Structure formats: structure tokens, C-alpha cells
């Protein structure tokens, strides 16, 4: 295998790549019954009993995927997204990616 120098990819190419990866990962997770058809989390205690024992894990995960605060006085509010100052472009999350 060889690596070759090439021009940097464009923001549009990054967005296309993120979309393709997201679609494939979501399809795989749905096939394994880890997500329902809407792409929401499906609790599956047979995979890991820890989820059945601690409801807060499900709440925290669901809130995280929606970019919301899970606990405390600000529960349900969106949290601030912080970018590094050197970041030139911000890509919106696509299905959590």
C-alpha cells in the first residue's frame, strides 16, 4: 500500500462522506435491532444488562444524541457547542455523526 499526496478535499466532499458513513452505520444498527426505523435508540438489555439496571444511562444517551442536557435544572435544554478557534468550517451533526 502506498500513500500519495493529493489536494485537500472540499467541504462539500466532507459533507458527502459524512452522509454516506452515517447512512451505512444507521442501516447496520437498524438491522441489528439496536435502532428502530426512526433511528431512535432501542433499549436492548440482552446486549448489556447494565442498561436494564440503570435507567439514567438511557436518559443520558438519548439526551446526548439530541445535543440536550440530561440532568439538573437545565434538563432538556440544548447545550452550547464549542469550536476550536482554528476551525474554519462547522459541520452540523448528521444522526449524531
N, C-alpha and C. Protein backbone atom coordinates (compact mmCIF):
# COMPACT_ATOMS: atom_id res chain seq x y z
N UNK A 1 0.85 -1.17 0.00
CA UNK A 1 0.00 0.00 0.00
C UNK A 1 0.89 1.23 0.00
N UNK A 2 0.51 2.19 -0.81
CA UNK A 2 1.24 3.45 -0.87
C UNK A 2 0.29 4.61 -0.62
N UNK A 3 0.82 5.62 0.01
CA UNK A 3 0.07 6.85 0.21
C UNK A 3 0.63 7.91 -0.72
N UNK A 4 -0.25 8.68 -1.32
CA UNK A 4 0.15 9.73 -2.24
C UNK A 4 -0.40 11.06 -1.77
N UNK A 5 0.38 12.10 -1.95
CA UNK A 5 -0.11 13.45 -1.65
C UNK A 5 -1.18 13.82 -2.65
N UNK A 6 -2.17 14.50 -2.17
CA UNK A 6 -3.26 14.93 -3.04
C UNK A 6 -3.82 16.24 -2.48
N UNK A 7 -4.65 16.88 -3.25
CA UNK A 7 -5.26 18.14 -2.81
C UNK A 7 -6.24 17.86 -1.67
N UNK A 8 -6.41 18.83 -0.80
CA UNK A 8 -7.37 18.70 0.30
C UNK A 8 -8.78 18.57 -0.27
N UNK A 9 -9.61 17.80 0.43
CA UNK A 9 -10.98 17.66 -0.04
C UNK A 9 -11.79 18.89 0.35
N UNK A 10 -12.83 19.13 -0.40
CA UNK A 10 -13.67 20.31 -0.17
C UNK A 10 -14.67 20.05 0.95
N UNK A 11 -15.27 21.12 1.44
CA UNK A 11 -16.32 20.98 2.46
C UNK A 11 -17.48 20.14 1.93
N UNK A 12 -17.80 20.30 0.67
CA UNK A 12 -18.89 19.53 0.06
C UNK A 12 -18.54 18.04 0.05
N UNK A 13 -17.30 17.71 -0.26
CA UNK A 13 -16.87 16.31 -0.27
C UNK A 13 -16.91 15.72 1.14
N UNK A 14 -16.56 16.51 2.15
CA UNK A 14 -16.65 16.05 3.54
C UNK A 14 -18.10 15.78 3.90
N UNK A 15 -18.99 16.67 3.52
CA UNK A 15 -20.41 16.50 3.81
C UNK A 15 -20.96 15.24 3.15
N UNK A 16 -20.54 14.96 1.92
CA UNK A 16 -20.99 13.75 1.22
C UNK A 16 -20.47 12.52 1.94
N UNK A 17 -19.22 12.54 2.34
CA UNK A 17 -18.62 11.41 3.06
C UNK A 17 -19.33 11.15 4.38
N UNK A 18 -19.61 12.22 5.14
CA UNK A 18 -20.32 12.08 6.41
C UNK A 18 -21.70 11.47 6.19
N UNK A 19 -22.38 11.92 5.15
CA UNK A 19 -23.71 11.39 4.84
C UNK A 19 -23.64 9.90 4.51
N UNK A 20 -22.67 9.51 3.70
CA UNK A 20 -22.53 8.10 3.32
C UNK A 20 -22.22 7.23 4.55
N UNK A 21 -21.30 7.67 5.39
CA UNK A 21 -20.95 6.91 6.59
C UNK A 21 -22.15 6.81 7.52
N UNK A 22 -22.82 7.92 7.73
CA UNK A 22 -23.99 7.94 8.61
C UNK A 22 -25.07 6.98 8.13
N UNK A 23 -25.37 7.01 6.85
CA UNK A 23 -26.40 6.13 6.29
C UNK A 23 -26.06 4.66 6.49
N UNK A 24 -24.80 4.31 6.28
CA UNK A 24 -24.39 2.91 6.42
C UNK A 24 -24.41 2.46 7.88
N UNK A 25 -23.95 3.31 8.78
CA UNK A 25 -23.95 2.96 10.21
C UNK A 25 -25.39 2.84 10.72
N UNK A 26 -26.24 3.77 10.34
CA UNK A 26 -27.64 3.73 10.78
C UNK A 26 -28.33 2.47 10.24
N UNK A 27 -28.09 2.11 8.99
CA UNK A 27 -28.68 0.90 8.42
C UNK A 27 -28.21 -0.35 9.16
N UNK A 28 -26.94 -0.39 9.50
CA UNK A 28 -26.39 -1.53 10.24
C UNK A 28 -27.03 -1.64 11.62
N UNK A 29 -27.13 -0.51 12.32
CA UNK A 29 -27.71 -0.53 13.67
C UNK A 29 -29.18 -0.92 13.64
N UNK A 30 -29.91 -0.49 12.63
CA UNK A 30 -31.31 -0.89 12.47
C UNK A 30 -31.41 -2.38 12.19
N UNK A 31 -30.53 -2.90 11.34
CA UNK A 31 -30.53 -4.32 11.01
C UNK A 31 -30.28 -5.17 12.25
N UNK A 32 -29.44 -4.68 13.16
CA UNK A 32 -29.12 -5.41 14.39
C UNK A 32 -30.13 -5.13 15.50
N UNK A 33 -31.20 -4.40 15.19
CA UNK A 33 -32.26 -4.04 16.15
C UNK A 33 -31.75 -3.19 17.31
N UNK A 34 -30.69 -2.44 17.06
CA UNK A 34 -30.19 -1.52 18.08
C UNK A 34 -30.82 -0.15 17.90
N UNK A 35 -31.45 0.09 16.75
CA UNK A 35 -32.22 1.30 16.49
C UNK A 35 -33.52 0.88 15.82
N UNK A 36 -34.58 1.66 16.09
CA UNK A 36 -35.83 1.39 15.38
C UNK A 36 -35.79 2.09 14.02
N UNK A 37 -36.85 1.99 13.26
CA UNK A 37 -36.87 2.55 11.90
C UNK A 37 -36.72 4.07 11.88
N UNK A 38 -37.12 4.74 12.96
CA UNK A 38 -36.97 6.20 13.03
C UNK A 38 -35.56 6.61 13.42
N UNK A 39 -34.72 5.64 13.78
CA UNK A 39 -33.35 5.95 14.16
C UNK A 39 -33.19 6.31 15.63
N UNK A 40 -34.21 6.02 16.43
CA UNK A 40 -34.13 6.29 17.86
C UNK A 40 -33.50 5.09 18.56
N UNK A 41 -32.98 5.33 19.74
CA UNK A 41 -32.35 4.25 20.50
C UNK A 41 -33.38 3.23 20.91
N UNK A 42 -33.05 1.98 20.76
CA UNK A 42 -33.88 0.89 21.25
C UNK A 42 -33.12 0.25 22.40
N UNK A 43 -33.71 0.28 23.55
CA UNK A 43 -33.07 -0.33 24.71
C UNK A 43 -33.02 -1.84 24.48
N UNK A 44 -31.87 -2.41 24.64
CA UNK A 44 -31.71 -3.83 24.39
C UNK A 44 -30.92 -4.46 25.53
N UNK A 45 -31.60 -4.76 26.65
CA UNK A 45 -30.89 -5.31 27.81
C UNK A 45 -30.21 -6.64 27.55
N UNK A 46 -30.65 -7.36 26.52
CA UNK A 46 -29.99 -8.63 26.25
C UNK A 46 -28.57 -8.42 25.75
N UNK A 47 -28.31 -7.25 25.22
CA UNK A 47 -26.95 -6.95 24.76
C UNK A 47 -26.05 -6.55 25.92
N UNK A 48 -26.58 -5.82 26.88
CA UNK A 48 -25.79 -5.37 28.02
C UNK A 48 -26.73 -5.12 29.19
N UNK A 49 -26.68 -5.97 30.21
CA UNK A 49 -27.60 -5.83 31.34
C UNK A 49 -27.45 -4.51 32.10
N UNK A 50 -26.34 -3.84 31.92
CA UNK A 50 -26.13 -2.56 32.59
C UNK A 50 -27.22 -1.55 32.23
N UNK A 51 -27.69 -1.60 30.97
CA UNK A 51 -28.73 -0.68 30.52
C UNK A 51 -30.04 -0.93 31.27
N UNK A 52 -30.35 -2.17 31.54
CA UNK A 52 -31.59 -2.50 32.25
C UNK A 52 -31.52 -2.08 33.71
N UNK A 53 -30.33 -2.10 34.27
CA UNK A 53 -30.16 -1.79 35.69
C UNK A 53 -30.11 -0.29 35.98
N UNK A 54 -29.74 0.52 34.99
CA UNK A 54 -29.54 1.95 35.21
C UNK A 54 -30.29 2.78 34.17
N UNK A 55 -31.50 3.19 34.52
CA UNK A 55 -32.32 3.98 33.60
C UNK A 55 -31.63 5.28 33.19
N UNK A 56 -30.79 5.81 34.08
CA UNK A 56 -30.12 7.07 33.77
C UNK A 56 -29.20 6.97 32.55
N UNK A 57 -28.68 5.78 32.25
CA UNK A 57 -27.85 5.62 31.05
C UNK A 57 -28.67 5.86 29.79
N UNK A 58 -29.88 5.35 29.77
CA UNK A 58 -30.76 5.55 28.63
C UNK A 58 -31.10 7.03 28.48
N UNK A 59 -31.42 7.68 29.58
CA UNK A 59 -31.75 9.11 29.54
C UNK A 59 -30.56 9.94 29.06
N UNK A 60 -29.37 9.64 29.59
CA UNK A 60 -28.18 10.39 29.22
C UNK A 60 -27.83 10.19 27.74
N UNK A 61 -27.95 8.97 27.26
CA UNK A 61 -27.64 8.68 25.87
C UNK A 61 -28.62 9.38 24.92
N UNK A 62 -29.90 9.30 25.23
CA UNK A 62 -30.90 9.95 24.40
C UNK A 62 -30.69 11.46 24.35
N UNK A 63 -30.40 12.05 25.50
CA UNK A 63 -30.16 13.50 25.55
C UNK A 63 -28.90 13.87 24.75
N UNK A 64 -27.87 13.07 24.89
CA UNK A 64 -26.62 13.34 24.18
C UNK A 64 -26.81 13.34 22.67
N UNK A 65 -27.54 12.38 22.17
CA UNK A 65 -27.78 12.29 20.72
C UNK A 65 -28.54 13.51 20.22
N UNK A 66 -29.40 14.06 21.05
CA UNK A 66 -30.19 15.23 20.67
C UNK A 66 -29.49 16.54 21.01
N UNK A 67 -28.23 16.47 21.52
CA UNK A 67 -27.46 17.65 21.93
C UNK A 67 -28.17 18.42 23.03
N UNK A 68 -28.79 17.67 23.94
CA UNK A 68 -29.51 18.29 25.06
C UNK A 68 -28.90 17.87 26.39
N UNK A 69 -29.17 18.67 27.40
CA UNK A 69 -28.71 18.39 28.76
C UNK A 69 -29.64 17.36 29.38
N UNK A 70 -29.04 16.34 30.03
CA UNK A 70 -29.83 15.21 30.54
C UNK A 70 -30.32 15.41 31.97
N UNK A 71 -29.56 16.08 32.80
CA UNK A 71 -29.89 16.14 34.23
C UNK A 71 -29.73 17.56 34.77
N UNK A 72 -30.35 17.80 35.91
CA UNK A 72 -30.19 19.08 36.59
C UNK A 72 -31.22 20.10 36.17
N UNK A 73 -31.01 21.34 36.61
CA UNK A 73 -32.01 22.39 36.37
C UNK A 73 -32.18 22.76 34.89
N UNK A 74 -31.22 22.42 34.06
CA UNK A 74 -31.32 22.75 32.63
C UNK A 74 -31.70 21.55 31.77
N UNK A 75 -32.27 20.52 32.38
CA UNK A 75 -32.67 19.31 31.66
C UNK A 75 -33.53 19.67 30.45
N UNK A 76 -33.18 19.09 29.31
CA UNK A 76 -33.95 19.30 28.09
C UNK A 76 -33.51 20.47 27.25
N UNK A 77 -32.67 21.34 27.80
CA UNK A 77 -32.16 22.48 27.02
C UNK A 77 -30.98 22.03 26.17
N UNK A 78 -30.81 22.70 25.04
CA UNK A 78 -29.66 22.41 24.18
C UNK A 78 -28.39 22.91 24.84
N UNK A 79 -27.31 22.16 24.68
CA UNK A 79 -26.04 22.63 25.23
C UNK A 79 -25.26 23.36 24.15
N UNK A 80 -24.37 24.24 24.60
CA UNK A 80 -23.58 25.04 23.67
C UNK A 80 -22.52 24.16 23.02
N UNK A 81 -22.34 24.33 21.74
CA UNK A 81 -21.29 23.61 21.02
C UNK A 81 -20.09 24.53 20.89
N UNK A 82 -18.96 24.05 21.31
CA UNK A 82 -17.75 24.87 21.32
C UNK A 82 -16.84 24.41 20.18
N UNK A 83 -16.42 25.37 19.38
CA UNK A 83 -15.48 25.08 18.30
C UNK A 83 -14.10 25.58 18.68
N UNK A 84 -13.12 24.85 18.22
CA UNK A 84 -11.75 25.34 18.39
C UNK A 84 -11.62 26.62 17.58
N UNK A 85 -10.88 27.61 18.09
CA UNK A 85 -10.74 28.87 17.34
C UNK A 85 -10.17 28.67 15.94
N UNK A 86 -9.34 27.65 15.75
CA UNK A 86 -8.72 27.46 14.44
C UNK A 86 -9.63 26.75 13.45
N UNK A 87 -10.79 26.29 13.91
CA UNK A 87 -11.71 25.61 13.00
C UNK A 87 -12.26 26.60 11.98
N UNK A 88 -12.24 26.20 10.72
CA UNK A 88 -12.69 27.09 9.65
C UNK A 88 -14.15 26.85 9.29
N UNK A 89 -14.58 25.63 9.43
CA UNK A 89 -15.94 25.28 9.00
C UNK A 89 -16.57 24.39 10.05
N UNK A 90 -17.81 24.63 10.34
CA UNK A 90 -18.56 23.79 11.27
C UNK A 90 -19.54 22.95 10.49
N UNK A 91 -19.46 21.66 10.67
CA UNK A 91 -20.40 20.77 10.02
C UNK A 91 -21.47 20.40 11.03
N UNK A 92 -22.70 20.51 10.63
CA UNK A 92 -23.79 20.10 11.51
C UNK A 92 -23.77 18.60 11.69
N UNK A 93 -24.23 18.17 12.85
CA UNK A 93 -24.29 16.74 13.11
C UNK A 93 -25.35 16.09 12.23
N UNK A 94 -25.03 14.94 11.74
CA UNK A 94 -25.96 14.17 10.94
C UNK A 94 -26.16 12.83 11.65
N UNK A 95 -27.30 12.64 12.25
CA UNK A 95 -27.60 11.42 13.00
C UNK A 95 -26.54 11.14 14.06
N UNK A 96 -26.03 12.17 14.66
CA UNK A 96 -25.04 12.00 15.72
C UNK A 96 -23.61 11.90 15.25
N UNK A 97 -23.38 12.00 13.95
CA UNK A 97 -22.01 11.90 13.43
C UNK A 97 -21.41 13.26 13.22
